[in-house]
Amino acid sequence: MTEADHLPALSSIILLRLNDYARRPVAEQARLSAQLDTVLAMLLPDIPDRGRIVLSGSGSAAVAVLNNAPAALVFAERALKANQAGLGLCIGIDHGPVEVINGASGAELVGDGVVTASVMAAFATEEGLLATQNFRTALAHMSPGSESVLAQTENFSDAGLRTYQAFRLDRRAQRQRRRRFILSAVIAAALLIATAVTLRLGVPDRPRPLANYMGSSISSALDHLKRFSHGKP
């Protein structure tokens, strides 16, 4: 199924694969395929029609997202939650070149991005979702800081001995990054206050040109830290 007229050279590609699909009985394959179609029908409306291409096959589906790596990650993470109902999805994500061609069985999505996403999905049986360095870089470029949810895991090699650097989804990494930022800010503020107190005691009669601004600056900094700790910009 094609849902866009064309794609640019680079897109975020999400490959969804049902684990051990080929080994399952025909009736179970039909049930799982129907569930995968349901997941796609529920999640795809969040991505604009002209910003995606969706192609589905036997026990798998490929979603290419145009110029929107954050939306691709949200889609993949929401799709992964279907595993809580026993769907058994393995998801791979890459950011790279793709092209839609007319194959013997209809439209096909091809390119290095699709191949690499397929490799990530093949190795994602334990993690559930694996992404490449290319996708993590695209995510950092489009939404700085959001790439922290992708934590590095072990590298993989395919049958051609090509090595891939992989990243797993880890929301705890983002929370740890936020805590480190807050701790660093608190330490910096403490050092600033300690320095100010030392100067005040050591040189009590020194000029204080910034005295009228210090109170409001400290209050503004504390408000910023409070908003950041609650995940607000």
C-alpha atoms as a PDB file:
ATOM      1  CA  MET A   1       0.000   0.000   0.000  1.00  0.00           C
ATOM      2  CA  THR A   2       1.502   3.322  -1.039  1.00  0.00           C
ATOM      3  CA  GLU A   3       0.501   6.437   0.910  1.00  0.00           C
ATOM      4  CA  ALA A   4       2.729   9.091  -0.671  1.00  0.00           C
ATOM      5  CA  ASP A   5       3.614  10.048  -4.192  1.00  0.00           C
ATOM      6  CA  HIS A   6       7.336   9.989  -3.603  1.00  0.00           C
ATOM      7  CA  LEU A   7      10.024  10.143  -0.940  1.00  0.00           C
ATOM      8  CA  PRO A   8      13.240  12.169  -0.794  1.00  0.00           C
ATOM      9  CA  ALA A   9      16.610  10.440  -0.835  1.00  0.00           C
ATOM     10  CA  LEU A  10      16.694  10.194   2.956  1.00  0.00           C
ATOM     11  CA  SER A  11      13.862   9.076   5.225  1.00  0.00           C
ATOM     12  CA  SER A  12      13.389   7.397   8.575  1.00  0.00           C
ATOM     13  CA  ILE A  13      12.523   3.759   7.912  1.00  0.00           C
ATOM     14  CA  ILE A  14      10.707   1.605  10.467  1.00  0.00           C
ATOM     15  CA  LEU A  15      10.672  -2.126   9.773  1.00  0.00           C
ATOM     16  CA  LEU A  16       8.116  -4.102  11.789  1.00  0.00           C
ATOM     17  CA  ARG A  17       8.558  -7.880  11.728  1.00  0.00           C
ATOM     18  CA  LEU A  18       6.502 -10.572  13.449  1.00  0.00           C
ATOM     19  CA  ASN A  19       8.890 -12.884  15.278  1.00  0.00           C
ATOM     20  CA  ASP A  20       8.984 -16.478  13.968  1.00  0.00           C
ATOM     21  CA  TYR A  21       6.139 -15.731  11.574  1.00  0.00           C
ATOM     22  CA  ALA A  22       7.151 -18.322   8.961  1.00  0.00           C
ATOM     23  CA  ARG A  23       7.191 -21.147  11.533  1.00  0.00           C
ATOM     24  CA  ARG A  24       3.673 -20.551  12.786  1.00  0.00           C
ATOM     25  CA  PRO A  25       0.539 -22.399  11.602  1.00  0.00           C
ATOM     26  CA  VAL A  26      -1.410 -20.726   8.797  1.00  0.00           C
ATOM     27  CA  ALA A  27      -4.334 -19.842  11.074  1.00  0.00           C
ATOM     28  CA  GLU A  28      -2.017 -18.147  13.561  1.00  0.00           C
ATOM     29  CA  GLN A  29      -0.253 -16.291  10.752  1.00  0.00           C
ATOM     30  CA  ALA A  30      -3.597 -14.905   9.603  1.00  0.00           C
ATOM     31  CA  ARG A  31      -4.484 -13.815  13.150  1.00  0.00           C
ATOM     32  CA  LEU A  32      -1.136 -12.092  13.721  1.00  0.00           C
ATOM     33  CA  SER A  33      -1.246 -10.367  10.330  1.00  0.00           C
ATOM     34  CA  ALA A  34      -4.697  -9.021  11.159  1.00  0.00           C
ATOM     35  CA  GLN A  35      -3.394  -7.723  14.490  1.00  0.00           C
ATOM     36  CA  LEU A  36      -0.453  -6.032  12.769  1.00  0.00           C
ATOM     37  CA  ASP A  37      -2.844  -4.382  10.308  1.00  0.00           C
ATOM     38  CA  THR A  38      -4.884  -3.144  13.266  1.00  0.00           C
ATOM     39  CA  VAL A  39      -1.798  -1.643  14.901  1.00  0.00           C
ATOM     40  CA  LEU A  40      -0.920   0.165  11.675  1.00  0.00           C
ATOM     41  CA  ALA A  41      -4.489   1.437  11.249  1.00  0.00           C
ATOM     42  CA  MET A  42      -4.447   2.865  14.770  1.00  0.00           C
ATOM     43  CA  LEU A  43      -1.025   4.547  14.608  1.00  0.00           C
ATOM     44  CA  LEU A  44      -0.612   5.750  11.026  1.00  0.00           C
ATOM     45  CA  PRO A  45      -3.152   8.617  11.237  1.00  0.00           C
ATOM     46  CA  ASP A  46      -0.657  10.453  13.485  1.00  0.00           C
ATOM     47  CA  ILE A  47       1.680  10.795  10.485  1.00  0.00           C
ATOM     48  CA  PRO A  48       0.423  12.998   7.598  1.00  0.00           C
ATOM     49  CA  ASP A  49      -0.546  11.030   4.480  1.00  0.00           C
ATOM     50  CA  ARG A  50       1.945  12.783   2.232  1.00  0.00           C
ATOM     51  CA  GLY A  51       4.723  12.325   4.785  1.00  0.00           C
ATOM     52  CA  ARG A  52       4.815   8.534   4.730  1.00  0.00           C
ATOM     53  CA  ILE A  53       4.925   5.421   2.620  1.00  0.00           C
ATOM     54  CA  VAL A  54       3.620   2.142   4.023  1.00  0.00           C
ATOM     55  CA  LEU A  55       4.252  -1.226   2.423  1.00  0.00           C
ATOM     56  CA  SER A  56       3.148  -4.477   4.031  1.00  0.00           C
ATOM     57  CA  GLY A  57       4.095  -8.054   3.286  1.00  0.00           C
ATOM     58  CA  SER A  58       3.897 -11.488   4.863  1.00  0.00           C
ATOM     59  CA  GLY A  59       4.409 -10.961   8.570  1.00  0.00           C
ATOM     60  CA  SER A  60       6.076  -7.575   8.179  1.00  0.00           C
ATOM     61  CA  ALA A  61       5.540  -3.949   7.295  1.00  0.00           C
ATOM     62  CA  ALA A  62       7.803  -1.066   6.335  1.00  0.00           C
ATOM     63  CA  VAL A  63       6.964   2.542   7.169  1.00  0.00           C
ATOM     64  CA  ALA A  64       9.103   5.313   5.680  1.00  0.00           C
ATOM     65  CA  VAL A  65       8.622   8.704   7.338  1.00  0.00           C
ATOM     66  CA  LEU A  66       9.562  11.858   5.455  1.00  0.00           C
ATOM     67  CA  ASN A  67      11.845  14.305   7.269  1.00  0.00           C
ATOM     68  CA  ASN A  68      10.494  13.576  10.744  1.00  0.00           C
ATOM     69  CA  ALA A  69      12.695  11.295  12.841  1.00  0.00           C
ATOM     70  CA  PRO A  70      10.915  12.242  16.134  1.00  0.00           C
ATOM     71  CA  ALA A  71       7.566  11.146  14.674  1.00  0.00           C
ATOM     72  CA  ALA A  72       9.167   7.911  13.473  1.00  0.00           C
ATOM     73  CA  LEU A  73      10.412   7.137  16.992  1.00  0.00           C
ATOM     74  CA  VAL A  74       7.018   7.885  18.545  1.00  0.00           C
ATOM     75  CA  PHE A  75       5.349   5.594  16.013  1.00  0.00           C
ATOM     76  CA  ALA A  76       7.842   2.777  16.666  1.00  0.00           C
ATOM     77  CA  GLU A  77       7.585   3.090  20.435  1.00  0.00           C
ATOM     78  CA  ARG A  78       3.788   2.984  20.347  1.00  0.00           C
ATOM     79  CA  ALA A  79       3.867  -0.014  18.008  1.00  0.00           C
ATOM     80  CA  LEU A  80       6.210  -1.788  20.418  1.00  0.00           C
ATOM     81  CA  LYS A  81       3.537  -1.586  23.118  1.00  0.00           C
ATOM     82  CA  ALA A  82       1.489  -4.062  21.078  1.00  0.00           C
ATOM     83  CA  ASN A  83       3.882  -6.725  22.371  1.00  0.00           C
ATOM     84  CA  GLN A  84       2.148  -6.401  25.721  1.00  0.00           C
ATOM     85  CA  ALA A  85      -0.788  -8.154  24.019  1.00  0.00           C
ATOM     86  CA  GLY A  86       1.489 -10.937  22.753  1.00  0.00           C
ATOM     87  CA  LEU A  87       1.987  -9.725  19.176  1.00  0.00           C
ATOM     88  CA  GLY A  88       5.737 -10.405  19.182  1.00  0.00           C
ATOM     89  CA  LEU A  89       6.929  -7.477  17.066  1.00  0.00           C
ATOM     90  CA  CYS A  90      10.613  -6.909  16.346  1.00  0.00           C
ATOM     91  CA  ILE A  91      11.283  -3.349  15.183  1.00  0.00           C
ATOM     92  CA  GLY A  92      14.316  -1.915  13.408  1.00  0.00           C
ATOM     93  CA  ILE A  93      14.817   1.779  12.566  1.00  0.00           C
ATOM     94  CA  ASP A  94      17.291   3.437  10.248  1.00  0.00           C
ATOM     95  CA  HIS A  95      17.635   6.791   8.514  1.00  0.00           C
ATOM     96  CA  GLY A  96      18.861   6.483   4.973  1.00  0.00           C
ATOM     97  CA  PRO A  97      18.079   6.422   1.258  1.00  0.00           C
ATOM     98  CA  VAL A  98      14.956   4.671   0.005  1.00  0.00           C
ATOM     99  CA  GLU A  99      13.093   4.341  -3.273  1.00  0.00           C
ATOM    100  CA  VAL A 100       9.740   2.954  -4.335  1.00  0.00           C
ATOM    101  CA  ILE A 101       9.847   0.699  -7.393  1.00  0.00           C
ATOM    102  CA  ASN A 102       7.327  -1.498  -9.169  1.00  0.00           C
ATOM    103  CA  GLY A 103       8.356  -5.099  -8.544  1.00  0.00           C
ATOM    104  CA  ALA A 104       6.916  -8.389  -9.727  1.00  0.00           C
ATOM    105  CA  SER A 105       4.448  -8.449  -6.819  1.00  0.00           C
ATOM    106  CA  GLY A 106       3.638  -4.719  -6.867  1.00  0.00           C
ATOM    107  CA  ALA A 107       5.200  -1.666  -5.213  1.00  0.00           C
ATOM    108  CA  GLU A 108       8.393  -2.312  -3.273  1.00  0.00           C
ATOM    109  CA  LEU A 109      10.380  -0.120  -0.896  1.00  0.00           C
ATOM    110  CA  VAL A 110      14.096  -0.569  -1.547  1.00  0.00           C
ATOM    111  CA  GLY A 111      17.383   1.063  -0.609  1.00  0.00           C
ATOM    112  CA  ASP A 112      20.137   0.929   1.979  1.00  0.00           C
ATOM    113  CA  GLY A 113      17.812   2.364   4.625  1.00  0.00           C
ATOM    114  CA  VAL A 114      15.363  -0.513   4.202  1.00  0.00           C
ATOM    115  CA  VAL A 115      18.106  -3.128   4.238  1.00  0.00           C
ATOM    116  CA  THR A 116      19.670  -1.743   7.399  1.00  0.00           C
ATOM    117  CA  ALA A 117      16.317  -1.401   9.176  1.00  0.00           C
ATOM    118  CA  SER A 118      15.643  -5.053   8.295  1.00  0.00           C
ATOM    119  CA  VAL A 119      18.951  -6.087   9.875  1.00  0.00           C
ATOM    120  CA  MET A 120      18.082  -4.149  13.044  1.00  0.00           C
ATOM    121  CA  ALA A 121      14.675  -5.850  13.200  1.00  0.00           C
ATOM    122  CA  ALA A 122      16.276  -9.267  12.750  1.00  0.00           C
ATOM    123  CA  PHE A 123      18.502  -8.669  15.779  1.00  0.00           C
ATOM    124  CA  ALA A 124      15.762  -7.084  17.905  1.00  0.00           C
ATOM    125  CA  THR A 125      14.253 -10.319  19.227  1.00  0.00           C
ATOM    126  CA  GLU A 126      15.356  -9.549  22.804  1.00  0.00           C
ATOM    127  CA  GLU A 127      15.328  -5.743  22.867  1.00  0.00           C
ATOM    128  CA  GLY A 128      12.127  -5.406  20.852  1.00  0.00           C
ATOM    129  CA  LEU A 129      13.419  -2.258  19.127  1.00  0.00           C
ATOM    130  CA  LEU A 130      16.846  -1.404  17.765  1.00  0.00           C
ATOM    131  CA  ALA A 131      17.926   1.747  15.950  1.00  0.00           C
ATOM    132  CA  THR A 132      21.042   2.678  14.018  1.00  0.00           C
ATOM    133  CA  GLN A 133      23.561   5.450  14.572  1.00  0.00           C
ATOM    134  CA  ASN A 134      22.241   7.164  11.437  1.00  0.00           C
ATOM    135  CA  PHE A 135      18.760   7.359  12.931  1.00  0.00           C
ATOM    136  CA  ARG A 136      20.071   8.542  16.301  1.00  0.00           C
ATOM    137  CA  THR A 137      22.031  11.291  14.549  1.00  0.00           C
ATOM    138  CA  ALA A 138      18.954  12.384  12.579  1.00  0.00           C
ATOM    139  CA  LEU A 139      16.927  12.424  15.794  1.00  0.00           C
ATOM    140  CA  ALA A 140      19.546  14.594  17.530  1.00  0.00           C
ATOM    141  CA  HIS A 141      19.549  17.003  14.581  1.00  0.00           C
ATOM    142  CA  MET A 142      15.762  17.393  14.436  1.00  0.00           C
ATOM    143  CA  SER A 143      15.054  17.285  18.181  1.00  0.00           C
ATOM    144  CA  PRO A 144      18.233  17.912  20.226  1.00  0.00           C
ATOM    145  CA  GLY A 145      18.276  15.923  23.460  1.00  0.00           C
ATOM    146  CA  SER A 146      15.621  13.400  22.431  1.00  0.00           C
ATOM    147  CA  GLU A 147      18.327  11.025  21.169  1.00  0.00           C
ATOM    148  CA  SER A 148      19.235  10.291  24.810  1.00  0.00           C
ATOM    149  CA  VAL A 149      16.413   7.694  24.934  1.00  0.00           C
ATOM    150  CA  LEU A 150      18.468   5.524  22.566  1.00  0.00           C
ATOM    151  CA  ALA A 151      21.217   3.835  24.578  1.00  0.00           C
ATOM    152  CA  GLN A 152      24.076   2.028  22.878  1.00  0.00           C
ATOM    153  CA  THR A 153      24.047  -1.753  22.976  1.00  0.00           C
ATOM    154  CA  GLU A 154      26.318  -4.389  21.448  1.00  0.00           C
ATOM    155  CA  ASN A 155      27.302  -4.235  17.784  1.00  0.00           C
ATOM    156  CA  PHE A 156      25.994  -6.789  15.285  1.00  0.00           C
ATOM    157  CA  SER A 157      27.337  -8.307  12.074  1.00  0.00           C
ATOM    158  CA  ASP A 158      25.216  -9.614   9.219  1.00  0.00           C
ATOM    159  CA  ALA A 159      25.915 -12.566   6.931  1.00  0.00           C
ATOM    160  CA  GLY A 160      28.178 -10.365   4.824  1.00  0.00           C
ATOM    161  CA  LEU A 161      30.222  -9.500   7.940  1.00  0.00           C
ATOM    162  CA  ARG A 162      29.096  -5.894   7.826  1.00  0.00           C
ATOM    163  CA  THR A 163      29.092  -4.497  11.373  1.00  0.00           C
ATOM    164  CA  TYR A 164      26.224  -2.362  12.685  1.00  0.00           C
ATOM    165  CA  GLN A 165      26.249  -0.113  15.734  1.00  0.00           C
ATOM    166  CA  ALA A 166      22.891  -0.547  17.457  1.00  0.00           C
ATOM    167  CA  PHE A 167      20.931   1.467  20.017  1.00  0.00           C
ATOM    168  CA  ARG A 168      18.071   0.236  22.187  1.00  0.00           C
ATOM    169  CA  LEU A 169      15.149   2.220  23.531  1.00  0.00           C
ATOM    170  CA  ASP A 170      15.751   3.202  27.164  1.00  0.00           C
ATOM    171  CA  ARG A 171      13.569   5.923  28.682  1.00  0.00           C
ATOM    172  CA  ARG A 172      15.583   5.689  31.900  1.00  0.00           C
ATOM    173  CA  ALA A 173      18.597   7.125  30.076  1.00  0.00           C
ATOM    174  CA  GLN A 174      16.675  10.344  29.412  1.00  0.00           C
ATOM    175  CA  ARG A 175      15.659  10.635  33.077  1.00  0.00           C
ATOM    176  CA  GLN A 176      19.259  10.035  34.157  1.00  0.00           C
ATOM    177  CA  ARG A 177      20.433  12.748  31.766  1.00  0.00           C
ATOM    178  CA  ARG A 178      17.921  15.166  33.287  1.00  0.00           C
ATOM    179  CA  ARG A 179      19.074  14.302  36.814  1.00  0.00           C
ATOM    180  CA  ARG A 180      22.724  14.828  35.837  1.00  0.00           C
ATOM    181  CA  PHE A 181      21.841  18.227  34.386  1.00  0.00           C
ATOM    182  CA  ILE A 182      19.993  19.266  37.546  1.00  0.00           C
ATOM    183  CA  LEU A 183      22.830  18.041  39.767  1.00  0.00           C
ATOM    184  CA  SER A 184      25.388  19.956  37.710  1.00  0.00           C
ATOM    185  CA  ALA A 185      23.257  23.096  37.883  1.00  0.00           C
ATOM    186  CA  VAL A 186      22.841  22.767  41.656  1.00  0.00           C
ATOM    187  CA  ILE A 187      26.586  22.297  42.137  1.00  0.00           C
ATOM    188  CA  ALA A 188      27.309  25.323  39.929  1.00  0.00           C
ATOM    189  CA  ALA A 189      24.806  27.430  41.894  1.00  0.00           C
ATOM    190  CA  ALA A 190      26.319  26.286  45.193  1.00  0.00           C
ATOM    191  CA  LEU A 191      29.798  27.227  44.010  1.00  0.00           C
ATOM    192  CA  LEU A 192      28.533  30.625  42.887  1.00  0.00           C
ATOM    193  CA  ILE A 193      26.904  31.269  46.239  1.00  0.00           C
ATOM    194  CA  ALA A 194      29.983  30.073  48.118  1.00  0.00           C
ATOM    195  CA  THR A 195      32.179  32.392  46.050  1.00  0.00           C
ATOM    196  CA  ALA A 196      29.847  35.325  46.665  1.00  0.00           C
ATOM    197  CA  VAL A 197      29.813  34.668  50.426  1.00  0.00           C
ATOM    198  CA  THR A 198      33.602  34.377  50.486  1.00  0.00           C
ATOM    199  CA  LEU A 199      33.986  37.682  48.663  1.00  0.00           C
ATOM    200  CA  ARG A 200      31.437  39.371  50.898  1.00  0.00           C
ATOM    201  CA  LEU A 201      33.224  38.272  54.053  1.00  0.00           C
ATOM    202  CA  GLY A 202      36.703  38.853  52.694  1.00  0.00           C
ATOM    203  CA  VAL A 203      36.077  42.232  51.054  1.00  0.00           C
ATOM    204  CA  PRO A 204      33.015  43.731  52.758  1.00  0.00           C
ATOM    205  CA  ASP A 205      33.350  47.204  51.200  1.00  0.00           C
ATOM    206  CA  ARG A 206      33.902  46.153  47.564  1.00  0.00           C
ATOM    207  CA  PRO A 207      31.716  47.685  44.808  1.00  0.00           C
ATOM    208  CA  ARG A 208      28.610  45.659  43.954  1.00  0.00           C
ATOM    209  CA  PRO A 209      27.399  46.787  40.483  1.00  0.00           C
ATOM    210  CA  LEU A 210      25.184  43.688  40.035  1.00  0.00           C
ATOM    211  CA  ALA A 211      23.515  43.811  43.437  1.00  0.00           C
ATOM    212  CA  ASN A 212      20.179  44.956  41.993  1.00  0.00           C
ATOM    213  CA  TYR A 213      20.062  42.012  39.578  1.00  0.00           C
ATOM    214  CA  MET A 214      21.193  39.102  41.730  1.00  0.00           C
ATOM    215  CA  GLY A 215      17.863  38.368  43.384  1.00  0.00           C
ATOM    216  CA  SER A 216      15.876  38.216  40.169  1.00  0.00           C
ATOM    217  CA  SER A 217      18.595  36.209  38.375  1.00  0.00           C
ATOM    218  CA  ILE A 218      18.705  33.547  41.087  1.00  0.00           C
ATOM    219  CA  SER A 219      14.904  33.310  41.153  1.00  0.00           C
ATOM    220  CA  SER A 220      14.809  32.949  37.366  1.00  0.00           C
ATOM    221  CA  ALA A 221      17.428  30.195  37.466  1.00  0.00           C
ATOM    222  CA  LEU A 222      15.545  28.292  40.166  1.00  0.00           C
ATOM    223  CA  ASP A 223      12.288  28.543  38.173  1.00  0.00           C
ATOM    224  CA  HIS A 224      14.071  27.185  35.090  1.00  0.00           C
ATOM    225  CA  LEU A 225      15.429  24.228  37.058  1.00  0.00           C
ATOM    226  CA  LYS A 226      11.975  23.490  38.451  1.00  0.00           C
ATOM    227  CA  ARG A 227      10.414  23.451  34.958  1.00  0.00           C
ATOM    228  CA  PHE A 228      13.213  21.254  33.578  1.00  0.00           C
ATOM    229  CA  SER A 229      12.859  18.746  36.404  1.00  0.00           C
ATOM    230  CA  HIS A 230       9.198  18.321  35.428  1.00  0.00           C
ATOM    231  CA  GLY A 231      10.110  17.813  31.779  1.00  0.00           C
ATOM    232  CA  LYS A 232       8.937  21.271  30.640  1.00  0.00           C
ATOM    233  CA  PRO A 233      10.954  23.514  28.284  1.00  0.00           C
END
